[in-house]
């Protein structure tokens, strides 16, 4: 077996992994409303660094809509999927989570039990 043939044995699984990784990143980015073509091409660069970078970057700045449960970016003022807004405290206007009873910033009672 020549050096070229032995190199091809290792190259085929790497190409398969790159295509699989790029496809998953592409479809996941499209589902999440990211720049899916750019992320898909980025997924072709190397395994698994591109996947790790994609997961860190796209999951870092997200909040969950209290109305529909889908994720959207923190910088957006309302959910692009259902039009619902993020929950804020009525007293201090801080962002709070749906299941909290009291605001952790000003101790205002958010809902009655």
PDB file of N, CA and C in Angstrom:
ATOM      1  N   UNK A   1       0.852  -1.171   0.000  1.00  0.00           N
ATOM      2  CA  UNK A   1       0.000   0.000   0.000  1.00  0.00           C
ATOM      3  C   UNK A   1       0.899   1.236   0.000  1.00  0.00           C
ATOM      4  N   UNK A   2       0.604   2.171  -0.874  1.00  0.00           N
ATOM      5  CA  UNK A   2       1.430   3.371  -0.973  1.00  0.00           C
ATOM      6  C   UNK A   2       0.987   4.403   0.058  1.00  0.00           C
ATOM      7  N   UNK A   3       1.783   5.449   0.178  1.00  0.00           N
ATOM      8  CA  UNK A   3       1.464   6.515   1.125  1.00  0.00           C
ATOM      9  C   UNK A   3       0.175   7.240   0.744  1.00  0.00           C
ATOM     10  N   UNK A   4      -0.066   7.381  -0.544  1.00  0.00           N
ATOM     11  CA  UNK A   4      -1.279   8.059  -1.004  1.00  0.00           C
ATOM     12  C   UNK A   4      -2.513   7.247  -0.637  1.00  0.00           C
ATOM     13  N   UNK A   5      -2.454   5.936  -0.814  1.00  0.00           N
ATOM     14  CA  UNK A   5      -3.593   5.081  -0.473  1.00  0.00           C
ATOM     15  C   UNK A   5      -3.842   5.077   1.030  1.00  0.00           C
ATOM     16  N   UNK A   6      -2.797   5.045   1.826  1.00  0.00           N
ATOM     17  CA  UNK A   6      -3.000   5.042   3.277  1.00  0.00           C
ATOM     18  C   UNK A   6      -3.523   6.397   3.757  1.00  0.00           C
ATOM     19  N   UNK A   7      -3.151   7.484   3.089  1.00  0.00           N
ATOM     20  CA  UNK A   7      -3.667   8.807   3.440  1.00  0.00           C
ATOM     21  C   UNK A   7      -5.132   8.955   3.098  1.00  0.00           C
ATOM     22  N   UNK A   8      -5.553   8.316   2.012  1.00  0.00           N
ATOM     23  CA  UNK A   8      -6.953   8.381   1.594  1.00  0.00           C
ATOM     24  C   UNK A   8      -7.859   7.667   2.597  1.00  0.00           C
ATOM     25  N   UNK A   9      -7.339   6.660   3.257  1.00  0.00           N
ATOM     26  CA  UNK A   9      -8.130   5.940   4.260  1.00  0.00           C
ATOM     27  C   UNK A   9      -8.515   6.870   5.406  1.00  0.00           C
ATOM     28  N   UNK A  10      -7.638   7.770   5.775  1.00  0.00           N
ATOM     29  CA  UNK A  10      -7.919   8.716   6.854  1.00  0.00           C
ATOM     30  C   UNK A  10      -8.694   9.935   6.360  1.00  0.00           C
ATOM     31  N   UNK A  11      -8.559  10.282   5.109  1.00  0.00           N
ATOM     32  CA  UNK A  11      -9.194  11.466   4.559  1.00  0.00           C
ATOM     33  C   UNK A  11     -10.701  11.284   4.369  1.00  0.00           C
ATOM     34  N   UNK A  12     -11.138  10.112   4.005  1.00  0.00           N
ATOM     35  CA  UNK A  12     -12.565   9.867   3.748  1.00  0.00           C
ATOM     36  C   UNK A  12     -13.421  10.070   4.998  1.00  0.00           C
ATOM     37  N   UNK A  13     -13.064   9.520   6.165  1.00  0.00           N
ATOM     38  CA  UNK A  13     -13.887   9.788   7.354  1.00  0.00           C
ATOM     39  C   UNK A  13     -13.865  11.260   7.778  1.00  0.00           C
ATOM     40  N   UNK A  14     -12.757  11.939   7.573  1.00  0.00           N
ATOM     41  CA  UNK A  14     -12.673  13.355   7.937  1.00  0.00           C
ATOM     42  C   UNK A  14     -13.600  14.178   7.051  1.00  0.00           C
ATOM     43  N   UNK A  15     -13.617  13.901   5.760  1.00  0.00           N
ATOM     44  CA  UNK A  15     -14.520  14.617   4.847  1.00  0.00           C
ATOM     45  C   UNK A  15     -15.973  14.339   5.206  1.00  0.00           C
ATOM     46  N   UNK A  16     -16.283  13.084   5.542  1.00  0.00           N
ATOM     47  CA  UNK A  16     -17.637  12.729   5.953  1.00  0.00           C
ATOM     48  C   UNK A  16     -18.040  13.502   7.211  1.00  0.00           C
ATOM     49  N   UNK A  17     -17.157  13.582   8.205  1.00  0.00           N
ATOM     50  CA  UNK A  17     -17.455  14.320   9.434  1.00  0.00           C
ATOM     51  C   UNK A  17     -17.645  15.813   9.172  1.00  0.00           C
ATOM     52  N   UNK A  18     -16.822  16.379   8.298  1.00  0.00           N
ATOM     53  CA  UNK A  18     -16.960  17.798   7.968  1.00  0.00           C
ATOM     54  C   UNK A  18     -18.302  18.095   7.307  1.00  0.00           C
ATOM     55  N   UNK A  19     -18.707  17.248   6.376  1.00  0.00           N
ATOM     56  CA  UNK A  19     -19.994  17.452   5.707  1.00  0.00           C
ATOM     57  C   UNK A  19     -21.153  17.257   6.681  1.00  0.00           C
ATOM     58  N   UNK A  20     -21.065  16.266   7.528  1.00  0.00           N
ATOM     59  CA  UNK A  20     -22.099  16.032   8.531  1.00  0.00           C
ATOM     60  C   UNK A  20     -22.194  17.208   9.501  1.00  0.00           C
ATOM     61  N   UNK A  21     -21.051  17.687   9.983  1.00  0.00           N
ATOM     62  CA  UNK A  21     -21.024  18.818  10.903  1.00  0.00           C
ATOM     63  C   UNK A  21     -21.578  20.080  10.245  1.00  0.00           C
ATOM     64  N   UNK A  22     -21.151  20.373   9.024  1.00  0.00           N
ATOM     65  CA  UNK A  22     -21.621  21.574   8.322  1.00  0.00           C
ATOM     66  C   UNK A  22     -23.125  21.511   8.066  1.00  0.00           C
ATOM     67  N   UNK A  23     -23.637  20.342   7.737  1.00  0.00           N
ATOM     68  CA  UNK A  23     -25.078  20.192   7.503  1.00  0.00           C
ATOM     69  C   UNK A  23     -25.869  20.439   8.765  1.00  0.00           C
ATOM     70  N   UNK A  24     -25.423  19.876   9.878  1.00  0.00           N
ATOM     71  CA  UNK A  24     -26.132  20.063  11.144  1.00  0.00           C
ATOM     72  C   UNK A  24     -26.107  21.530  11.556  1.00  0.00           C
ATOM     73  N   UNK A  25     -24.938  22.161  11.456  1.00  0.00           N
ATOM     74  CA  UNK A  25     -24.825  23.578  11.813  1.00  0.00           C
ATOM     75  C   UNK A  25     -25.725  24.424  10.904  1.00  0.00           C
ATOM     76  N   UNK A  26     -25.732  24.137   9.608  1.00  0.00           N
ATOM     77  CA  UNK A  26     -26.554  24.878   8.650  1.00  0.00           C
ATOM     78  C   UNK A  26     -28.032  24.812   9.027  1.00  0.00           C
ATOM     79  N   UNK A  27     -28.560  23.600   9.240  1.00  0.00           N
ATOM     80  CA  UNK A  27     -29.980  23.447   9.542  1.00  0.00           C
ATOM     81  C   UNK A  27     -30.346  23.992  10.918  1.00  0.00           C
ATOM     82  N   UNK A  28     -29.460  23.828  11.897  1.00  0.00           N
ATOM     83  CA  UNK A  28     -29.731  24.374  13.221  1.00  0.00           C
ATOM     84  C   UNK A  28     -29.716  25.898  13.196  1.00  0.00           C
ATOM     85  N   UNK A  29     -28.771  26.491  12.490  1.00  0.00           N
ATOM     86  CA  UNK A  29     -28.702  27.951  12.393  1.00  0.00           C
ATOM     87  C   UNK A  29     -29.924  28.505  11.664  1.00  0.00           C
ATOM     88  N   UNK A  30     -30.397  27.810  10.644  1.00  0.00           N
ATOM     89  CA  UNK A  30     -31.593  28.258   9.929  1.00  0.00           C
ATOM     90  C   UNK A  30     -32.808  28.193  10.840  1.00  0.00           C
ATOM     91  N   UNK A  31     -32.900  27.153  11.645  1.00  0.00           N
ATOM     92  CA  UNK A  31     -34.021  27.012  12.568  1.00  0.00           C
ATOM     93  C   UNK A  31     -34.005  28.111  13.635  1.00  0.00           C
ATOM     94  N   UNK A  32     -32.823  28.542  14.043  1.00  0.00           N
ATOM     95  CA  UNK A  32     -32.687  29.542  15.099  1.00  0.00           C
ATOM     96  C   UNK A  32     -32.657  30.972  14.586  1.00  0.00           C
ATOM     97  N   UNK A  33     -32.730  31.170  13.287  1.00  0.00           N
ATOM     98  CA  UNK A  33     -32.741  32.513  12.740  1.00  0.00           C
ATOM     99  C   UNK A  33     -31.366  33.159  12.656  1.00  0.00           C
ATOM    100  N   UNK A  34     -30.327  32.359  12.610  1.00  0.00           N
ATOM    101  CA  UNK A  34     -28.961  32.870  12.477  1.00  0.00           C
ATOM    102  C   UNK A  34     -28.605  32.995  10.998  1.00  0.00           C
ATOM    103  N   UNK A  35     -27.419  33.483  10.701  1.00  0.00           N
ATOM    104  CA  UNK A  35     -26.925  33.561   9.325  1.00  0.00           C
ATOM    105  C   UNK A  35     -26.465  32.166   8.907  1.00  0.00           C
ATOM    106  N   UNK A  36     -27.399  31.355   8.445  1.00  0.00           N
ATOM    107  CA  UNK A  36     -27.144  29.928   8.269  1.00  0.00           C
ATOM    108  C   UNK A  36     -26.135  29.599   7.175  1.00  0.00           C
ATOM    109  N   UNK A  37     -26.071  30.377   6.099  1.00  0.00           N
ATOM    110  CA  UNK A  37     -25.080  30.085   5.055  1.00  0.00           C
ATOM    111  C   UNK A  37     -23.668  30.296   5.573  1.00  0.00           C
ATOM    112  N   UNK A  38     -23.474  31.355   6.300  1.00  0.00           N
ATOM    113  CA  UNK A  38     -22.135  31.630   6.851  1.00  0.00           C
ATOM    114  C   UNK A  38     -21.749  30.565   7.861  1.00  0.00           C
ATOM    115  N   UNK A  39     -22.688  30.205   8.743  1.00  0.00           N
ATOM    116  CA  UNK A  39     -22.389  29.170   9.736  1.00  0.00           C
ATOM    117  C   UNK A  39     -22.143  27.817   9.071  1.00  0.00           C
ATOM    118  N   UNK A  40     -22.897  27.506   8.016  1.00  0.00           N
ATOM    119  CA  UNK A  40     -22.696  26.240   7.302  1.00  0.00           C
ATOM    120  C   UNK A  40     -21.329  26.151   6.660  1.00  0.00           C
ATOM    121  N   UNK A  41     -20.893  27.236   6.031  1.00  0.00           N
ATOM    122  CA  UNK A  41     -19.549  27.256   5.443  1.00  0.00           C
ATOM    123  C   UNK A  41     -18.492  27.177   6.533  1.00  0.00           C
ATOM    124  N   UNK A  42     -18.737  27.866   7.646  1.00  0.00           N
ATOM    125  CA  UNK A  42     -17.807  27.810   8.771  1.00  0.00           C
ATOM    126  C   UNK A  42     -17.681  26.378   9.305  1.00  0.00           C
ATOM    127  N   UNK A  43     -18.764  25.611   9.231  1.00  0.00           N
ATOM    128  CA  UNK A  43     -18.750  24.226   9.691  1.00  0.00           C
ATOM    129  C   UNK A  43     -17.883  23.314   8.851  1.00  0.00           C
ATOM    130  N   UNK A  44     -17.542  23.738   7.639  1.00  0.00           N
ATOM    131  CA  UNK A  44     -16.670  22.936   6.771  1.00  0.00           C
ATOM    132  C   UNK A  44     -15.186  23.102   7.092  1.00  0.00           C
ATOM    133  N   UNK A  45     -14.839  24.013   7.966  1.00  0.00           N
ATOM    134  CA  UNK A  45     -13.425  24.308   8.200  1.00  0.00           C
ATOM    135  C   UNK A  45     -12.683  23.227   8.970  1.00  0.00           C
ATOM    136  N   UNK A  46     -13.194  22.824  10.122  1.00  0.00           N
ATOM    137  CA  UNK A  46     -12.510  21.784  10.894  1.00  0.00           C
ATOM    138  C   UNK A  46     -13.464  21.132  11.885  1.00  0.00           C
ATOM    139  N   UNK A  47     -13.080  19.976  12.351  1.00  0.00           N
ATOM    140  CA  UNK A  47     -13.864  19.204  13.316  1.00  0.00           C
ATOM    141  C   UNK A  47     -13.073  19.156  14.606  1.00  0.00           C
ATOM    142  N   UNK A  48     -13.601  19.307  15.756  1.00  0.00           N
ATOM    143  CA  UNK A  48     -14.909  19.787  16.180  1.00  0.00           C
ATOM    144  C   UNK A  48     -14.897  21.249  16.590  1.00  0.00           C
ATOM    145  N   UNK A  49     -13.825  21.977  16.321  1.00  0.00           N
ATOM    146  CA  UNK A  49     -13.720  23.367  16.764  1.00  0.00           C
ATOM    147  C   UNK A  49     -14.849  24.237  16.230  1.00  0.00           C
ATOM    148  N   UNK A  50     -15.225  24.078  14.971  1.00  0.00           N
ATOM    149  CA  UNK A  50     -16.310  24.882  14.403  1.00  0.00           C
ATOM    150  C   UNK A  50     -17.621  24.634  15.127  1.00  0.00           C
ATOM    151  N   UNK A  51     -17.886  23.393  15.461  1.00  0.00           N
ATOM    152  CA  UNK A  51     -19.111  23.059  16.182  1.00  0.00           C
ATOM    153  C   UNK A  51     -19.116  23.675  17.568  1.00  0.00           C
ATOM    154  N   UNK A  52     -18.010  23.602  18.270  1.00  0.00           N
ATOM    155  CA  UNK A  52     -17.933  24.179  19.612  1.00  0.00           C
ATOM    156  C   UNK A  52     -18.110  25.695  19.568  1.00  0.00           C
ATOM    157  N   UNK A  53     -17.473  26.352  18.634  1.00  0.00           N
ATOM    158  CA  UNK A  53     -17.616  27.804  18.504  1.00  0.00           C
ATOM    159  C   UNK A  53     -19.058  28.162  18.170  1.00  0.00           C
ATOM    160  N   UNK A  54     -19.670  27.428  17.263  1.00  0.00           N
ATOM    161  CA  UNK A  54     -21.063  27.686  16.902  1.00  0.00           C
ATOM    162  C   UNK A  54     -21.981  27.560  18.119  1.00  0.00           C
ATOM    163  N   UNK A  55     -21.815  26.497  18.893  1.00  0.00           N
ATOM    164  CA  UNK A  55     -22.668  26.286  20.055  1.00  0.00           C
ATOM    165  C   UNK A  55     -22.490  27.376  21.101  1.00  0.00           C
ATOM    166  N   UNK A  56     -21.274  27.804  21.332  1.00  0.00           N
ATOM    167  CA  UNK A  56     -21.021  28.846  22.325  1.00  0.00           C
ATOM    168  C   UNK A  56     -21.605  30.181  21.868  1.00  0.00           C
ATOM    169  N   UNK A  57     -21.351  30.552  20.631  1.00  0.00           N
ATOM    170  CA  UNK A  57     -21.788  31.864  20.138  1.00  0.00           C
ATOM    171  C   UNK A  57     -23.300  31.949  20.026  1.00  0.00           C
ATOM    172  N   UNK A  58     -23.948  30.934  19.507  1.00  0.00           N
ATOM    173  CA  UNK A  58     -25.391  31.032  19.271  1.00  0.00           C
ATOM    174  C   UNK A  58     -26.223  30.795  20.526  1.00  0.00           C
ATOM    175  N   UNK A  59     -25.694  30.147  21.515  1.00  0.00           N
ATOM    176  CA  UNK A  59     -26.475  29.899  22.731  1.00  0.00           C
ATOM    177  C   UNK A  59     -26.227  30.943  23.807  1.00  0.00           C
ATOM    178  N   UNK A  60     -25.273  31.819  23.615  1.00  0.00           N
ATOM    179  CA  UNK A  60     -24.863  32.744  24.665  1.00  0.00           C
ATOM    180  C   UNK A  60     -25.860  33.869  24.908  1.00  0.00           C
ATOM    181  N   UNK A  61     -26.427  34.452  23.876  1.00  0.00           N
ATOM    182  CA  UNK A  61     -27.248  35.642  24.015  1.00  0.00           C
ATOM    183  C   UNK A  61     -28.731  35.359  23.774  1.00  0.00           C
ATOM    184  N   UNK A  62     -29.262  34.315  24.321  1.00  0.00           N
ATOM    185  CA  UNK A  62     -30.657  33.955  24.059  1.00  0.00           C
ATOM    186  C   UNK A  62     -31.480  34.003  25.352  1.00  0.00           C
ATOM    187  N   UNK A  63     -32.743  34.334  25.209  1.00  0.00           N
ATOM    188  CA  UNK A  63     -33.717  34.234  26.283  1.00  0.00           C
ATOM    189  C   UNK A  63     -34.900  33.434  25.748  1.00  0.00           C
ATOM    190  N   UNK A  64     -35.697  32.896  26.645  1.00  0.00           N
ATOM    191  CA  UNK A  64     -36.854  32.099  26.260  1.00  0.00           C
ATOM    192  C   UNK A  64     -38.110  32.942  26.424  1.00  0.00           C
ATOM    193  N   UNK A  65     -38.931  32.958  25.413  1.00  0.00           N
ATOM    194  CA  UNK A  65     -40.183  33.714  25.443  1.00  0.00           C
ATOM    195  C   UNK A  65     -41.137  33.065  26.448  1.00  0.00           C
ATOM    196  N   UNK A  66     -41.707  33.838  27.360  1.00  0.00           N
ATOM    197  CA  UNK A  66     -42.646  33.252  28.325  1.00  0.00           C
ATOM    198  C   UNK A  66     -43.975  32.849  27.688  1.00  0.00           C
ATOM    199  N   UNK A  67     -44.273  33.392  26.503  1.00  0.00           N
ATOM    200  CA  UNK A  67     -45.546  33.088  25.851  1.00  0.00           C
ATOM    201  C   UNK A  67     -45.496  31.811  25.014  1.00  0.00           C
ATOM    202  N   UNK A  68     -44.483  31.705  24.129  1.00  0.00           N
ATOM    203  CA  UNK A  68     -44.442  30.554  23.218  1.00  0.00           C
ATOM    204  C   UNK A  68     -43.321  29.559  23.551  1.00  0.00           C
ATOM    205  N   UNK A  69     -42.367  29.932  24.400  1.00  0.00           N
ATOM    206  CA  UNK A  69     -41.303  29.017  24.808  1.00  0.00           C
ATOM    207  C   UNK A  69     -40.137  28.910  23.852  1.00  0.00           C
ATOM    208  N   UNK A  70     -40.134  29.675  22.765  1.00  0.00           N
ATOM    209  CA  UNK A  70     -39.023  29.623  21.806  1.00  0.00           C
ATOM    210  C   UNK A  70     -37.965  30.655  22.179  1.00  0.00           C
ATOM    211  N   UNK A  71     -36.740  30.395  21.782  1.00  0.00           N
ATOM    212  CA  UNK A  71     -35.624  31.268  22.132  1.00  0.00           C
ATOM    213  C   UNK A  71     -35.515  32.431  21.146  1.00  0.00           C
ATOM    214  N   UNK A  72     -35.095  33.580  21.679  1.00  0.00           N
ATOM    215  CA  UNK A  72     -34.782  34.732  20.832  1.00  0.00           C
ATOM    216  C   UNK A  72     -33.657  35.523  21.480  1.00  0.00           C
ATOM    217  N   UNK A  73     -33.060  36.427  20.716  1.00  0.00           N
ATOM    218  CA  UNK A  73     -31.893  37.172  21.180  1.00  0.00           C
ATOM    219  C   UNK A  73     -32.262  38.167  22.273  1.00  0.00           C
ATOM    220  N   UNK A  74     -31.346  38.356  23.228  1.00  0.00           N
ATOM    221  CA  UNK A  74     -31.589  39.297  24.317  1.00  0.00           C
ATOM    222  C   UNK A  74     -31.759  40.724  23.832  1.00  0.00           C
ATOM    223  N   UNK A  75     -31.066  41.096  22.755  1.00  0.00           N
ATOM    224  CA  UNK A  75     -31.129  42.480  22.292  1.00  0.00           C
ATOM    225  C   UNK A  75     -32.466  42.832  21.636  1.00  0.00           C
ATOM    226  N   UNK A  76     -33.263  41.837  21.271  1.00  0.00           N
ATOM    227  CA  UNK A  76     -34.574  42.088  20.690  1.00  0.00           C
ATOM    228  C   UNK A  76     -35.558  42.404  21.810  1.00  0.00           C
ATOM    229  N   UNK A  77     -36.467  43.329  21.558  1.00  0.00           N
ATOM    230  CA  UNK A  77     -37.385  43.766  22.602  1.00  0.00           C
ATOM    231  C   UNK A  77     -38.636  42.906  22.711  1.00  0.00           C
ATOM    232  N   UNK A  78     -38.903  42.112  21.689  1.00  0.00           N
ATOM    233  CA  UNK A  78     -40.043  41.209  21.744  1.00  0.00           C
ATOM    234  C   UNK A  78     -39.724  39.944  20.959  1.00  0.00           C
ATOM    235  N   UNK A  79     -40.504  38.927  21.191  1.00  0.00           N
ATOM    236  CA  UNK A  79     -40.285  37.636  20.539  1.00  0.00           C
ATOM    237  C   UNK A  79     -40.660  37.736  19.056  1.00  0.00           C
ATOM    238  N   UNK A  80     -39.753  37.371  18.140  1.00  0.00           N
ATOM    239  CA  UNK A  80     -40.086  37.443  16.716  1.00  0.00           C
ATOM    240  C   UNK A  80     -41.022  36.328  16.261  1.00  0.00           C
ATOM    241  N   UNK A  81     -41.220  35.320  17.096  1.00  0.00           N
ATOM    242  CA  UNK A  81     -42.059  34.183  16.721  1.00  0.00           C
ATOM    243  C   UNK A  81     -43.541  34.424  17.033  1.00  0.00           C
ATOM    244  N   UNK A  82     -43.818  35.028  18.201  1.00  0.00           N
ATOM    245  CA  UNK A  82     -45.218  35.217  18.594  1.00  0.00           C
ATOM    246  C   UNK A  82     -45.559  36.664  18.912  1.00  0.00           C
ATOM    247  N   UNK A  83     -44.560  37.524  18.991  1.00  0.00           N
ATOM    248  CA  UNK A  83     -44.805  38.931  19.305  1.00  0.00           C
ATOM    249  C   UNK A  83     -44.863  39.216  20.792  1.00  0.00           C
ATOM    250  N   UNK A  84     -44.725  38.187  21.619  1.00  0.00           N
ATOM    251  CA  UNK A  84     -44.751  38.377  23.064  1.00  0.00           C
ATOM    252  C   UNK A  84     -43.503  39.081  23.553  1.00  0.00           C
ATOM    253  N   UNK A  85     -43.604  39.689  24.697  1.00  0.00           N
ATOM    254  CA  UNK A  85     -42.469  40.418  25.242  1.00  0.00           C
ATOM    255  C   UNK A  85     -41.791  39.666  26.366  1.00  0.00           C
ATOM    256  N   UNK A  86     -40.637  40.157  26.723  1.00  0.00           N
ATOM    257  CA  UNK A  86     -39.946  39.598  27.874  1.00  0.00           C
ATOM    258  C   UNK A  86     -40.620  40.104  29.131  1.00  0.00           C
ATOM    259  N   UNK A  87     -40.525  39.339  30.177  1.00  0.00           N
ATOM    260  CA  UNK A  87     -41.118  39.749  31.441  1.00  0.00           C
ATOM    261  C   UNK A  87     -40.191  40.718  32.155  1.00  0.00           C
ATOM    262  N   UNK A  88     -40.755  41.797  32.638  1.00  0.00           N
ATOM    263  CA  UNK A  88     -39.985  42.763  33.420  1.00  0.00           C
ATOM    264  C   UNK A  88     -40.731  43.059  34.704  1.00  0.00           C
ATOM    265  N   UNK A  89     -39.991  43.478  35.705  1.00  0.00           N
ATOM    266  CA  UNK A  89     -40.559  43.837  37.006  1.00  0.00           C
ATOM    267  C   UNK A  89     -41.323  45.154  36.853  1.00  0.00           C
ATOM    268  N   UNK A  90     -42.492  45.227  37.472  1.00  0.00           N
ATOM    269  CA  UNK A  90     -43.312  46.431  37.374  1.00  0.00           C
ATOM    270  C   UNK A  90     -42.704  47.600  38.149  1.00  0.00           C
ATOM    271  N   UNK A  91     -41.901  47.306  39.156  1.00  0.00           N
ATOM    272  CA  UNK A  91     -41.326  48.371  39.968  1.00  0.00           C
ATOM    273  C   UNK A  91     -39.992  48.880  39.415  1.00  0.00           C
ATOM    274  N   UNK A  92     -39.039  47.963  39.174  1.00  0.00           N
ATOM    275  CA  UNK A  92     -37.681  48.404  38.789  1.00  0.00           C
ATOM    276  C   UNK A  92     -37.364  48.178  37.310  1.00  0.00           C
ATOM    277  N   UNK A  93     -38.259  47.562  36.557  1.00  0.00           N
ATOM    278  CA  UNK A  93     -38.108  47.311  35.121  1.00  0.00           C
ATOM    279  C   UNK A  93     -36.947  46.362  34.790  1.00  0.00           C
ATOM    280  N   UNK A  94     -36.526  45.561  35.756  1.00  0.00           N
ATOM    281  CA  UNK A  94     -35.478  44.565  35.518  1.00  0.00           C
ATOM    282  C   UNK A  94     -36.092  43.329  34.869  1.00  0.00           C
ATOM    283  N   UNK A  95     -35.305  42.623  34.084  1.00  0.00           N
ATOM    284  CA  UNK A  95     -35.786  41.408  33.435  1.00  0.00           C
ATOM    285  C   UNK A  95     -35.904  40.292  34.476  1.00  0.00           C
ATOM    286  N   UNK A  96     -37.049  39.641  34.504  1.00  0.00           N
ATOM    287  CA  UNK A  96     -37.304  38.558  35.453  1.00  0.00           C
ATOM    288  C   UNK A  96     -37.749  37.320  34.691  1.00  0.00           C
ATOM    289  N   UNK A  97     -37.709  36.179  35.367  1.00  0.00           N
ATOM    290  CA  UNK A  97     -38.139  34.934  34.746  1.00  0.00           C
ATOM    291  C   UNK A  97     -39.590  34.640  35.102  1.00  0.00           C
ATOM    292  N   UNK A  98     -40.220  33.854  34.257  1.00  0.00           N
ATOM    293  CA  UNK A  98     -41.652  33.591  34.371  1.00  0.00           C
ATOM    294  C   UNK A  98     -42.028  32.927  35.697  1.00  0.00           C
ATOM    295  N   UNK A  99     -41.181  32.030  36.203  1.00  0.00           N
ATOM    296  CA  UNK A  99     -41.542  31.265  37.389  1.00  0.00           C
ATOM    297  C   UNK A  99     -41.149  31.937  38.705  1.00  0.00           C
ATOM    298  N   UNK A 100     -40.575  33.124  38.685  1.00  0.00           N
ATOM    299  CA  UNK A 100     -40.191  33.821  39.918  1.00  0.00           C
ATOM    300  C   UNK A 100     -41.417  34.449  40.578  1.00  0.00           C
ATOM    301  N   UNK A 101     -41.444  34.398  41.883  1.00  0.00           N
ATOM    302  CA  UNK A 101     -42.512  35.026  42.641  1.00  0.00           C
ATOM    303  C   UNK A 101     -42.126  36.444  43.046  1.00  0.00           C
ATOM    304  N   UNK A 102     -40.844  36.656  43.352  1.00  0.00           N
ATOM    305  CA  UNK A 102     -40.339  37.975  43.756  1.00  0.00           C
ATOM    306  C   UNK A 102     -39.209  38.414  42.830  1.00  0.00           C
ATOM    307  N   UNK A 103     -39.101  39.711  42.636  1.00  0.00           N
ATOM    308  CA  UNK A 103     -38.002  40.273  41.856  1.00  0.00           C
ATOM    309  C   UNK A 103     -36.729  40.213  42.703  1.00  0.00           C
ATOM    310  N   UNK A 104     -35.632  39.634  42.184  1.00  0.00           N
ATOM    311  CA  UNK A 104     -34.407  39.533  42.972  1.00  0.00           C
ATOM    312  C   UNK A 104     -33.670  40.869  43.114  1.00  0.00           C
ATOM    313  N   UNK A 105     -34.086  41.886  42.386  1.00  0.00           N
ATOM    314  CA  UNK A 105     -33.397  43.176  42.415  1.00  0.00           C
ATOM    315  C   UNK A 105     -34.040  44.172  43.373  1.00  0.00           C
ATOM    316  N   UNK A 106     -35.380  44.134  43.495  1.00  0.00           N
ATOM    317  CA  UNK A 106     -36.055  45.104  44.369  1.00  0.00           C
ATOM    318  C   UNK A 106     -37.033  44.454  45.343  1.00  0.00           C
ATOM    319  N   UNK A 107     -37.160  43.140  45.331  1.00  0.00           N
ATOM    320  CA  UNK A 107     -38.022  42.356  46.224  1.00  0.00           C
ATOM    321  C   UNK A 107     -39.515  42.611  46.005  1.00  0.00           C
ATOM    322  N   UNK A 108     -39.887  43.108  44.859  1.00  0.00           N
ATOM    323  CA  UNK A 108     -41.285  43.330  44.525  1.00  0.00           C
ATOM    324  C   UNK A 108     -41.965  41.982  44.258  1.00  0.00           C
ATOM    325  N   UNK A 109     -43.172  41.801  44.761  1.00  0.00           N
ATOM    326  CA  UNK A 109     -43.894  40.551  44.547  1.00  0.00           C
ATOM    327  C   UNK A 109     -44.473  40.545  43.133  1.00  0.00           C
ATOM    328  N   UNK A 110     -43.996  39.599  42.317  1.00  0.00           N
ATOM    329  CA  UNK A 110     -44.386  39.542  40.910  1.00  0.00           C
ATOM    330  C   UNK A 110     -45.735  38.874  40.706  1.00  0.00           C
ATOM    331  N   UNK A 111     -46.019  37.863  41.506  1.00  0.00           N
ATOM    332  CA  UNK A 111     -47.302  37.184  41.379  1.00  0.00           C
ATOM    333  C   UNK A 111     -47.717  36.659  42.734  1.00  0.00           C
ATOM    334  N   UNK A 112     -49.014  36.488  42.913  1.00  0.00           N
ATOM    335  CA  UNK A 112     -49.551  35.972  44.163  1.00  0.00           C
ATOM    336  C   UNK A 112     -49.658  34.460  44.093  1.00  0.00           C
ATOM    337  N   UNK A 113     -49.281  33.797  45.159  1.00  0.00           N
ATOM    338  CA  UNK A 113     -49.378  32.326  45.185  1.00  0.00           C
ATOM    339  C   UNK A 113     -50.730  31.841  45.578  1.00  0.00           C
TER     340      UNK A 113
END
